[in-house]
């Protein structure tokens, strides 16, 4: 049980096992505001040393030689065998350091940063919101609600001046451009909502008709 690790899921593991950048680094975040804290980078010395040994063997014996392959397999095995223990040790240190920056809410059990925690209550600011903040937010919401109501009332008085019975032509019959209810097309200038007439018999032609309903002339 001495090697048991207790930790939450509010972290990301940025550790690298191989290469010149091999090492351990962990990022912890507040589960309320998502502000982060990252542990200092700790090099994985075994992997770095293995990389140097591998390069030296390749230079001395050739990358394709059997000796080079044997050395590569040997150092890779060394890296793998020590990786998990070294990572766990580094993770333990990171957890201990992170404990100074995060607090566990007694109600929702989230780990939160100092800004999102109320020490005298042992609760996060989601479970126990700050009174002054909530009052100010409620005051603003009340202002917004009242202003919205007045704006709707003002808009309702304008309804008497709005023509809601006349059908509006939204797309120009001549060019197909949007007119947004205008009397004339802003693209081609054609008058809207004017009944079309047949060029042959001058009879009224319904909108969208391909032929005159009176004489049959193509429109």
Foldseek 3Di string as FASTA:
>chain_A
DVLDDDDDPQKDWPADQADPQHWTKMKGAFPPPGDIDIDDTGHPVLRNVLVVQLVVQCVVPNCPDPSSVVSNVVSVVVSVVCPVVVHSVVVVVVVVVCVVAWAAAPPPRTTGGPVQADVVRSHGCVVVPDPVVVVVVVVVVVVVVVVVVVVVVVVVVCVVVDDPPDDFDQADLPPRHGQNRDQARPPPRHGPPDFDADPPPRHTADRPDQARPPPGHGD
